[in-house]
N, C-alpha and C. Protein backbone atom coordinates (compact mmCIF):
# COMPACT_ATOMS: atom_id res chain seq x y z
N MET A 1 -33.31 -6.99 39.07
CA MET A 1 -33.98 -6.22 38.14
C MET A 1 -33.51 -5.20 37.37
N LYS A 2 -32.45 -4.57 38.07
CA LYS A 2 -31.69 -3.58 37.24
C LYS A 2 -30.89 -4.22 36.10
N PHE A 3 -30.53 -5.51 36.28
CA PHE A 3 -29.90 -6.23 35.17
C PHE A 3 -30.74 -6.41 34.05
N ILE A 4 -32.01 -6.69 34.37
CA ILE A 4 -32.99 -7.04 33.19
C ILE A 4 -33.02 -5.89 32.34
N PHE A 5 -33.34 -4.60 32.97
CA PHE A 5 -33.69 -3.46 32.23
C PHE A 5 -32.23 -2.65 31.61
N ASP A 6 -31.19 -3.03 31.99
CA ASP A 6 -29.92 -2.60 31.52
C ASP A 6 -29.38 -3.27 30.24
N ASN A 7 -29.72 -4.67 30.28
CA ASN A 7 -29.41 -5.55 29.17
C ASN A 7 -30.38 -5.30 28.07
N PRO A 8 -30.04 -4.80 26.87
CA PRO A 8 -30.97 -4.64 25.68
C PRO A 8 -31.36 -6.20 25.13
N VAL A 9 -30.21 -6.96 25.07
CA VAL A 9 -30.42 -8.31 24.56
C VAL A 9 -31.50 -8.95 25.38
N PHE A 10 -31.36 -8.91 26.49
CA PHE A 10 -32.50 -9.66 27.49
C PHE A 10 -33.80 -9.04 27.31
N ILE A 11 -34.18 -7.96 27.22
CA ILE A 11 -35.48 -7.22 26.80
C ILE A 11 -35.90 -7.65 25.67
N LEU A 12 -34.98 -7.68 24.54
CA LEU A 12 -35.48 -8.31 23.19
C LEU A 12 -35.90 -9.59 23.28
N MET A 13 -35.40 -10.32 24.13
CA MET A 13 -35.69 -11.70 24.17
C MET A 13 -37.10 -12.11 24.91
N ILE A 14 -37.28 -11.17 26.08
CA ILE A 14 -38.31 -11.23 26.67
C ILE A 14 -39.69 -10.67 25.67
N ILE A 15 -39.50 -9.74 24.85
CA ILE A 15 -40.38 -8.94 23.82
C ILE A 15 -40.64 -9.98 23.03
N GLY A 16 -39.68 -10.73 22.57
CA GLY A 16 -40.02 -11.70 21.47
C GLY A 16 -40.84 -12.98 22.15
N TYR A 17 -40.49 -13.36 23.38
CA TYR A 17 -41.02 -14.40 23.88
C TYR A 17 -42.87 -13.88 24.11
N LEU A 18 -42.96 -12.69 24.24
CA LEU A 18 -44.14 -12.33 24.47
C LEU A 18 -45.11 -12.26 23.12
N ILE A 19 -44.34 -11.90 22.27
CA ILE A 19 -44.80 -11.98 20.64
C ILE A 19 -45.14 -13.36 20.33
N SER A 20 -44.37 -14.12 20.54
CA SER A 20 -44.50 -15.59 19.97
C SER A 20 -45.79 -16.06 20.59
N MET A 21 -45.80 -15.67 22.04
CA MET A 21 -47.06 -16.34 22.97
C MET A 21 -48.27 -15.80 22.33
N PHE A 22 -48.58 -14.53 22.01
CA PHE A 22 -49.63 -13.94 21.41
C PHE A 22 -49.85 -14.46 19.95
N ALA A 23 -48.84 -14.88 19.19
CA ALA A 23 -49.04 -15.33 17.85
C ALA A 23 -49.53 -16.85 18.07
N LYS A 24 -49.08 -17.49 18.86
CA LYS A 24 -49.41 -18.74 18.99
C LYS A 24 -50.87 -19.13 19.51
N LYS A 25 -51.26 -18.25 20.43
CA LYS A 25 -52.71 -18.02 20.73
C LYS A 25 -53.67 -17.78 19.55
N LYS A 26 -53.27 -16.75 18.77
CA LYS A 26 -54.23 -16.31 17.53
C LYS A 26 -54.11 -17.78 16.63
N LYS A 27 -53.16 -18.50 16.39
CA LYS A 27 -53.24 -19.62 15.47
C LYS A 27 -53.94 -20.54 16.10
N GLU A 28 -53.96 -20.81 17.21
CA GLU A 28 -54.55 -22.03 17.96
C GLU A 28 -56.18 -21.71 18.19
N GLN A 29 -56.49 -20.43 18.36
CA GLN A 29 -57.93 -20.15 18.55
C GLN A 29 -58.74 -20.60 17.20
N PRO A 30 -58.49 -20.37 16.03
CA PRO A 30 -59.38 -20.96 14.86
C PRO A 30 -59.23 -22.26 14.74
N GLN A 31 -58.42 -23.26 15.30
CA GLN A 31 -58.17 -24.56 15.15
C GLN A 31 -59.25 -25.17 16.23
N HIS A 32 -59.37 -24.50 17.48
CA HIS A 32 -60.33 -25.13 18.37
C HIS A 32 -61.70 -24.83 18.31
N HIS A 33 -62.59 -25.69 18.61
CA HIS A 33 -64.07 -25.69 18.47
C HIS A 33 -64.28 -25.10 19.86
N LYS A 34 -65.60 -24.64 19.92
CA LYS A 34 -66.28 -23.98 21.18
C LYS A 34 -66.11 -24.73 22.28
N GLY A 35 -66.53 -26.02 22.16
CA GLY A 35 -66.34 -26.91 23.47
C GLY A 35 -65.01 -27.41 23.80
N SER A 36 -64.05 -27.08 23.11
CA SER A 36 -62.85 -27.72 23.57
C SER A 36 -62.02 -26.71 24.50
N HIS A 37 -61.45 -27.31 25.44
CA HIS A 37 -60.53 -26.45 26.39
C HIS A 37 -59.30 -26.64 25.73
N ARG A 38 -58.18 -25.53 26.21
CA ARG A 38 -56.89 -25.39 25.53
C ARG A 38 -56.12 -26.38 26.61
N LYS A 39 -55.38 -27.28 25.98
CA LYS A 39 -54.42 -28.02 26.89
C LYS A 39 -53.29 -27.35 26.95
N PHE A 40 -52.89 -27.20 28.08
CA PHE A 40 -51.45 -26.81 28.53
C PHE A 40 -50.53 -27.93 28.55
N GLU A 41 -49.51 -27.29 28.01
CA GLU A 41 -48.14 -28.39 27.77
C GLU A 41 -47.81 -28.78 29.13
N GLN A 42 -47.23 -29.93 29.30
CA GLN A 42 -46.77 -30.45 30.63
C GLN A 42 -45.44 -30.11 30.81
N ASN A 43 -44.77 -29.50 29.77
CA ASN A 43 -43.32 -28.93 29.87
C ASN A 43 -43.02 -27.42 29.60
N PRO A 44 -43.50 -26.43 30.68
CA PRO A 44 -43.26 -25.17 30.04
C PRO A 44 -42.04 -24.89 29.62
N SER A 45 -40.88 -25.38 30.07
CA SER A 45 -39.55 -25.02 29.88
C SER A 45 -39.38 -25.30 28.41
N ARG A 46 -39.87 -26.21 27.74
CA ARG A 46 -39.79 -26.45 26.55
C ARG A 46 -40.16 -25.19 25.59
N GLU A 47 -41.23 -24.73 25.95
CA GLU A 47 -41.97 -23.78 25.13
C GLU A 47 -41.02 -22.31 25.30
N VAL A 48 -40.46 -22.22 26.48
CA VAL A 48 -39.34 -21.00 26.68
C VAL A 48 -38.14 -21.38 25.85
N GLN A 49 -37.62 -22.52 25.71
CA GLN A 49 -36.44 -22.99 24.91
C GLN A 49 -36.74 -22.74 23.50
N GLU A 50 -37.87 -23.01 23.13
CA GLU A 50 -38.31 -22.84 21.55
C GLU A 50 -38.36 -21.28 21.17
N THR A 51 -38.75 -20.44 22.04
CA THR A 51 -38.84 -19.17 21.94
C THR A 51 -37.27 -18.51 22.00
N PHE A 52 -36.71 -18.99 23.09
CA PHE A 52 -35.27 -18.63 23.12
C PHE A 52 -34.25 -18.79 21.70
N SER A 53 -34.48 -20.17 21.18
CA SER A 53 -34.08 -20.24 20.01
C SER A 53 -34.41 -19.76 19.00
N GLN A 54 -35.63 -19.31 18.84
CA GLN A 54 -36.12 -18.33 17.85
C GLN A 54 -35.57 -17.32 17.69
N THR A 55 -35.61 -16.50 18.87
CA THR A 55 -34.60 -15.11 19.15
C THR A 55 -33.38 -15.28 18.73
N GLU A 56 -32.79 -16.32 19.39
CA GLU A 56 -31.26 -16.62 18.91
C GLU A 56 -30.96 -16.60 17.46
N THR A 57 -32.00 -17.47 16.68
CA THR A 57 -31.57 -17.52 15.36
C THR A 57 -31.82 -16.19 14.50
N SER A 58 -33.04 -15.55 15.14
CA SER A 58 -33.23 -14.22 14.28
C SER A 58 -32.12 -13.24 14.58
N THR A 59 -31.49 -13.23 15.83
CA THR A 59 -30.51 -12.40 16.18
C THR A 59 -29.16 -12.82 15.15
N GLN A 60 -28.81 -14.16 15.17
CA GLN A 60 -27.84 -14.48 14.43
C GLN A 60 -28.13 -14.23 12.64
N ASN A 61 -29.46 -14.43 12.28
CA ASN A 61 -29.74 -14.09 11.08
C ASN A 61 -29.46 -12.64 10.81
N GLU A 62 -29.76 -11.63 11.64
CA GLU A 62 -29.46 -10.21 11.41
C GLU A 62 -28.02 -10.06 11.56
N GLU A 63 -27.11 -10.80 12.37
CA GLU A 63 -25.67 -10.64 12.38
C GLU A 63 -25.32 -11.15 11.18
N GLU A 64 -25.65 -12.02 10.64
CA GLU A 64 -25.14 -12.82 9.12
C GLU A 64 -25.40 -11.70 8.23
N LYS A 65 -26.58 -11.28 8.24
CA LYS A 65 -26.80 -10.20 6.92
C LYS A 65 -25.94 -9.00 7.24
N GLN A 66 -25.74 -8.51 8.50
CA GLN A 66 -24.74 -7.46 8.75
C GLN A 66 -23.42 -7.71 8.42
N TYR A 67 -23.14 -8.95 8.73
CA TYR A 67 -21.58 -9.58 8.12
C TYR A 67 -21.38 -9.46 6.77
N ALA A 68 -22.59 -10.17 6.17
CA ALA A 68 -22.36 -10.14 4.48
C ALA A 68 -22.49 -8.89 4.08
N ASP A 69 -23.20 -7.84 4.57
CA ASP A 69 -23.36 -6.64 4.07
C ASP A 69 -21.92 -5.97 4.22
N HIS A 70 -21.36 -6.14 5.26
CA HIS A 70 -20.04 -5.46 5.72
C HIS A 70 -18.82 -6.18 4.70
N THR A 71 -19.10 -7.43 4.50
CA THR A 71 -17.97 -8.12 3.56
C THR A 71 -18.18 -7.56 2.27
N LYS A 72 -19.58 -7.44 1.91
CA LYS A 72 -19.66 -6.81 0.48
C LYS A 72 -19.08 -5.53 0.14
N ALA A 73 -19.28 -4.82 1.32
CA ALA A 73 -18.83 -3.35 1.24
C ALA A 73 -17.15 -3.36 1.13
N ASP A 74 -16.66 -4.39 2.18
CA ASP A 74 -15.23 -4.46 2.02
C ASP A 74 -14.58 -4.83 0.75
N HIS A 75 -15.43 -5.86 0.24
CA HIS A 75 -15.13 -6.39 -1.20
C HIS A 75 -15.20 -5.33 -2.26
N ALA A 76 -16.11 -4.65 -2.05
CA ALA A 76 -16.29 -3.30 -3.26
C ALA A 76 -15.27 -2.23 -2.84
N LYS A 77 -14.77 -2.02 -1.62
CA LYS A 77 -13.56 -1.20 -1.41
C LYS A 77 -12.48 -1.51 -2.00
N LYS A 78 -12.19 -2.96 -1.81
CA LYS A 78 -10.92 -3.68 -2.46
C LYS A 78 -10.90 -3.56 -3.76
N LEU A 79 -11.93 -3.93 -4.46
CA LEU A 79 -12.01 -3.62 -5.95
C LEU A 79 -11.72 -2.21 -6.30
N GLN A 80 -12.46 -1.43 -5.68
CA GLN A 80 -12.10 0.06 -6.11
C GLN A 80 -10.77 0.20 -5.88
N VAL A 81 -10.07 -0.11 -4.93
CA VAL A 81 -8.67 0.35 -4.51
C VAL A 81 -7.66 -0.32 -5.61
N GLU A 82 -8.04 -1.79 -5.94
CA GLU A 82 -7.26 -2.10 -7.11
C GLU A 82 -7.55 -1.70 -8.30
N ALA A 83 -8.73 -1.30 -8.53
CA ALA A 83 -8.95 -0.58 -9.83
C ALA A 83 -8.20 0.83 -9.92
N LEU A 84 -8.27 1.49 -8.89
CA LEU A 84 -7.37 3.05 -8.82
C LEU A 84 -5.80 2.51 -9.14
N GLU A 85 -5.48 1.57 -8.43
CA GLU A 85 -3.95 1.09 -8.45
C GLU A 85 -3.79 0.68 -10.19
N SER A 86 -4.53 0.04 -10.72
CA SER A 86 -4.30 -0.26 -11.99
C SER A 86 -4.48 0.64 -12.87
N GLN A 87 -5.42 1.65 -12.61
CA GLN A 87 -5.37 2.98 -13.54
C GLN A 87 -4.12 3.80 -13.39
N TYR A 88 -3.58 4.02 -12.09
CA TYR A 88 -2.36 4.58 -11.75
C TYR A 88 -1.14 4.09 -12.55
N GLU A 89 -1.20 2.60 -12.67
CA GLU A 89 -0.12 1.92 -13.20
C GLU A 89 -0.28 2.33 -14.84
N VAL A 90 -1.38 2.10 -15.43
CA VAL A 90 -1.71 2.45 -16.70
C VAL A 90 -1.22 3.83 -17.14
N GLU A 91 -1.68 4.77 -16.24
CA GLU A 91 -1.31 6.23 -16.70
C GLU A 91 0.12 6.35 -16.63
N LYS A 92 0.78 5.76 -15.54
CA LYS A 92 2.32 5.90 -15.30
C LYS A 92 2.99 5.18 -16.94
N ARG A 93 2.70 4.15 -17.21
CA ARG A 93 3.19 3.74 -18.33
C ARG A 93 2.91 4.56 -19.75
N LEU A 94 1.54 5.15 -19.70
CA LEU A 94 1.40 5.92 -20.77
C LEU A 94 2.33 7.17 -20.77
N HIS A 95 2.60 7.86 -19.81
CA HIS A 95 3.27 8.93 -19.42
C HIS A 95 4.81 8.48 -20.17
N ALA A 96 5.35 7.33 -19.56
CA ALA A 96 6.47 6.80 -20.06
C ALA A 96 6.97 6.78 -21.57
N LEU A 97 5.72 6.09 -21.98
CA LEU A 97 5.81 6.09 -23.44
C LEU A 97 5.65 7.30 -24.26
N LYS A 98 4.78 8.33 -23.67
CA LYS A 98 4.64 9.61 -24.44
C LYS A 98 6.03 10.22 -24.30
N LYS A 99 6.85 10.11 -23.23
CA LYS A 99 8.20 10.76 -23.02
C LYS A 99 9.05 10.04 -23.91
N GLN A 100 9.01 8.64 -24.22
CA GLN A 100 10.01 7.92 -25.34
C GLN A 100 9.68 8.37 -26.65
N GLN A 101 8.29 8.57 -26.73
CA GLN A 101 7.77 9.01 -28.14
C GLN A 101 8.53 10.50 -28.49
N GLN A 102 8.55 11.44 -27.28
CA GLN A 102 9.18 12.57 -27.63
C GLN A 102 10.66 12.55 -27.91
N LEU A 103 11.19 11.79 -27.06
CA LEU A 103 12.66 11.62 -27.30
C LEU A 103 13.04 10.99 -28.67
N ALA A 104 12.02 10.22 -29.14
CA ALA A 104 12.34 9.66 -30.65
C ALA A 104 12.10 10.57 -31.78
N VAL A 105 11.16 11.50 -31.40
CA VAL A 105 10.80 12.48 -32.46
C VAL A 105 11.94 13.54 -32.34
N LYS A 106 12.59 13.85 -31.40
CA LYS A 106 13.69 14.76 -31.27
C LYS A 106 14.89 14.09 -32.08
N ARG A 107 15.45 12.86 -31.72
CA ARG A 107 16.31 12.11 -32.48
C ARG A 107 16.26 12.23 -33.82
N ALA A 108 14.76 11.83 -34.29
CA ALA A 108 14.60 11.73 -35.55
C ALA A 108 14.95 13.04 -36.41
N GLU A 109 14.49 14.33 -35.61
CA GLU A 109 14.63 15.33 -36.11
C GLU A 109 16.16 15.70 -36.31
N GLN A 110 16.93 15.34 -35.33
CA GLN A 110 18.26 15.54 -35.33
C GLN A 110 19.16 14.88 -36.45
N ILE A 111 18.58 13.77 -36.71
CA ILE A 111 19.14 12.77 -37.76
C ILE A 111 18.75 13.44 -39.25
N LYS A 112 17.63 14.07 -39.18
CA LYS A 112 17.05 14.59 -40.31
C LYS A 112 17.97 15.66 -40.75
N THR A 113 18.25 16.55 -39.68
CA THR A 113 19.05 17.80 -39.96
C THR A 113 20.41 17.33 -40.57
N ILE A 114 21.18 16.46 -39.80
CA ILE A 114 22.38 15.92 -40.17
C ILE A 114 22.34 15.33 -41.66
N ILE A 115 21.24 14.62 -41.87
CA ILE A 115 21.36 14.11 -43.38
C ILE A 115 21.17 15.36 -44.48
N GLU A 116 20.41 16.35 -44.18
CA GLU A 116 20.21 17.29 -44.98
C GLU A 116 21.29 18.27 -45.31
N LYS A 117 22.21 18.23 -44.33
CA LYS A 117 23.40 19.07 -44.46
C LYS A 117 24.53 18.53 -45.71
N PRO A 118 25.06 19.35 -46.19
CA PRO A 118 25.86 18.71 -47.25
C PRO A 118 27.07 18.00 -46.53
N ILE A 119 27.49 17.12 -47.40
CA ILE A 119 28.63 16.27 -47.03
C ILE A 119 29.96 17.31 -46.52
N THR A 120 30.29 18.14 -47.18
CA THR A 120 31.44 18.98 -47.00
C THR A 120 31.36 19.80 -45.40
N GLU A 121 30.21 19.89 -45.23
CA GLU A 121 29.81 20.74 -43.90
C GLU A 121 30.18 19.45 -42.61
N GLN A 122 29.66 18.34 -43.05
CA GLN A 122 29.64 17.11 -42.13
C GLN A 122 30.99 16.77 -41.90
N ILE A 123 32.01 16.94 -42.77
CA ILE A 123 33.36 16.40 -42.59
C ILE A 123 34.19 17.77 -42.51
N SER A 124 34.54 17.71 -41.15
CA SER A 124 35.47 19.08 -41.00
C SER A 124 36.93 18.80 -40.88
N VAL A 125 37.66 19.51 -41.29
CA VAL A 125 39.25 19.45 -41.10
C VAL A 125 39.61 19.69 -39.59
N PRO A 126 40.20 18.67 -39.03
CA PRO A 126 40.79 19.06 -37.60
C PRO A 126 41.81 20.04 -37.72
N GLN A 127 41.52 21.11 -36.70
CA GLN A 127 42.65 22.18 -36.60
C GLN A 127 43.64 21.49 -35.45
N LYS A 128 44.86 22.13 -35.77
CA LYS A 128 46.00 21.63 -34.73
C LYS A 128 45.75 22.22 -33.59
N GLU A 129 45.79 21.32 -32.53
CA GLU A 129 45.75 21.53 -31.17
C GLU A 129 46.97 22.03 -30.81
N LYS A 130 46.81 22.94 -29.65
CA LYS A 130 47.99 23.59 -29.16
C LYS A 130 48.29 22.35 -28.08
N LYS A 131 49.79 22.04 -28.13
CA LYS A 131 50.48 21.02 -27.40
C LYS A 131 50.74 21.86 -26.11
N PRO A 132 50.59 21.29 -24.99
CA PRO A 132 50.90 21.59 -23.67
C PRO A 132 52.50 21.68 -23.63
N SER A 133 52.99 23.02 -23.17
CA SER A 133 54.66 23.16 -23.04
C SER A 133 55.21 22.15 -22.02
N LEU A 134 56.28 21.70 -22.34
CA LEU A 134 57.08 20.79 -21.62
C LEU A 134 57.98 21.45 -20.52
N SER A 135 58.09 22.70 -20.55
CA SER A 135 58.97 23.25 -19.60
C SER A 135 58.09 23.94 -18.38
N PRO A 136 58.36 23.44 -17.08
CA PRO A 136 57.31 23.71 -15.91
C PRO A 136 57.70 25.04 -15.40
N SER A 137 56.72 25.75 -14.84
CA SER A 137 56.99 27.19 -14.25
C SER A 137 57.46 26.70 -12.86
N LYS A 138 57.85 27.89 -12.10
CA LYS A 138 58.39 27.86 -10.73
C LYS A 138 57.23 27.34 -9.93
N LYS A 139 56.07 27.56 -10.11
CA LYS A 139 55.13 27.22 -9.03
C LYS A 139 54.92 25.84 -9.29
N GLN A 140 54.93 25.20 -10.59
CA GLN A 140 54.70 23.70 -10.65
C GLN A 140 55.83 22.93 -9.97
N LEU A 141 57.15 23.26 -10.01
CA LEU A 141 58.17 22.97 -9.43
C LEU A 141 58.12 22.61 -7.83
N VAL A 142 57.61 23.85 -7.25
CA VAL A 142 57.46 23.91 -5.76
C VAL A 142 56.52 22.72 -5.47
N ASP A 143 55.35 22.82 -6.27
CA ASP A 143 54.09 22.03 -5.83
C ASP A 143 54.61 20.60 -6.06
N GLY A 144 55.48 20.41 -6.95
CA GLY A 144 56.09 19.12 -7.20
C GLY A 144 56.87 18.47 -6.09
N ILE A 145 57.69 19.23 -5.64
CA ILE A 145 58.52 19.09 -4.26
C ILE A 145 57.57 18.82 -3.19
N VAL A 146 56.46 19.64 -3.05
CA VAL A 146 55.83 19.44 -1.95
C VAL A 146 54.91 18.25 -1.84
N TRP A 147 54.45 17.92 -3.07
CA TRP A 147 53.80 16.47 -3.27
C TRP A 147 54.69 15.40 -3.01
N ALA A 148 55.97 15.40 -3.53
CA ALA A 148 56.87 14.48 -3.32
C ALA A 148 57.02 14.14 -2.14
N GLU A 149 57.07 15.14 -1.12
CA GLU A 149 57.32 14.97 0.49
C GLU A 149 56.02 14.27 0.89
N ILE A 150 54.94 14.66 0.57
CA ILE A 150 53.62 14.18 1.12
C ILE A 150 53.35 12.58 0.65
N ILE A 151 53.69 12.35 -0.55
CA ILE A 151 53.37 11.03 -1.12
C ILE A 151 54.65 10.28 -0.76
N GLY A 152 55.93 10.66 -0.82
CA GLY A 152 57.08 9.95 -0.61
C GLY A 152 57.04 8.98 0.92
N PRO A 153 58.04 8.31 0.88
CA PRO A 153 58.27 7.27 1.93
C PRO A 153 58.06 7.96 3.45
N PRO A 154 57.76 7.26 4.58
CA PRO A 154 57.35 7.99 5.70
C PRO A 154 58.94 8.42 6.27
N ARG A 155 59.15 9.61 7.09
CA ARG A 155 60.19 9.93 7.63
C ARG A 155 60.94 8.76 8.60
N ALA A 156 60.07 8.14 9.17
CA ALA A 156 60.65 7.05 10.39
C ALA A 156 61.24 6.12 9.34
N LEU A 157 61.38 5.80 8.26
CA LEU A 157 62.01 5.01 7.52
C LEU A 157 63.21 5.50 7.10
N ASN A 158 63.65 6.96 7.14
CA ASN A 158 64.72 7.50 6.65
C ASN A 158 64.98 8.46 7.90
N PRO A 159 65.57 8.28 8.79
CA PRO A 159 65.75 9.25 9.97
C PRO A 159 67.00 9.77 9.65
N HIS A 160 67.02 11.22 10.00
CA HIS A 160 68.30 12.07 10.10
C HIS A 160 69.24 11.59 11.14
N ARG A 161 70.22 11.44 10.82
CA ARG A 161 71.39 11.28 11.99
C ARG A 161 71.79 12.38 12.60
N SER A 162 71.52 12.69 13.91
CA SER A 162 72.16 13.82 14.36
C SER A 162 73.76 13.57 14.81
N LEU A 163 74.35 14.69 15.33
CA LEU A 163 75.72 14.80 15.45
C LEU A 163 76.11 13.79 16.73
N LYS A 164 75.17 13.88 17.56
CA LYS A 164 75.40 13.33 18.93
C LYS A 164 75.33 11.87 18.83
N ASN A 165 74.74 11.30 17.84
CA ASN A 165 74.56 9.64 17.66
C ASN A 165 75.94 9.32 17.03
N ASN A 166 76.50 10.21 16.25
CA ASN A 166 77.64 9.79 15.62
C ASN A 166 78.90 9.80 16.49
N LYS A 167 79.16 10.28 17.47
CA LYS A 167 80.23 10.38 18.54
C LYS A 167 80.35 9.17 19.10
């Protein structure tokens, strides 16, 4: 008994069955004449199956409607996300084009200033550059010797002969 009251689907099925029974009685009463008696069906399980199938179809229809609503909502969200993404891409492209436009304007101004300068200013006479002196300083000579030792061949290839080995 506890199972019946704890399960809301089962309670809905019982309520649906009772409602359908009362609805059938109301439909059948105007059709019968005063003298006729209601004939009970020989197979009461058939009536239960019909009621059960009606409740199943109604619950399935509700589930399908909920699924359809959920699907429409998901589709709307996807479309909204896609629209936002495309809007972001368009704004990104617009920003890049504006940067390119600004650079082009700056370059055009630079070219304009170069063109407006007289030719004599544009051509400049190269000045004599100082040539580095070829005489090294003491520090440069010491550094050169140190680097020659570092970069030179390994010591193992040119060992010093000791006096002990010569005897």
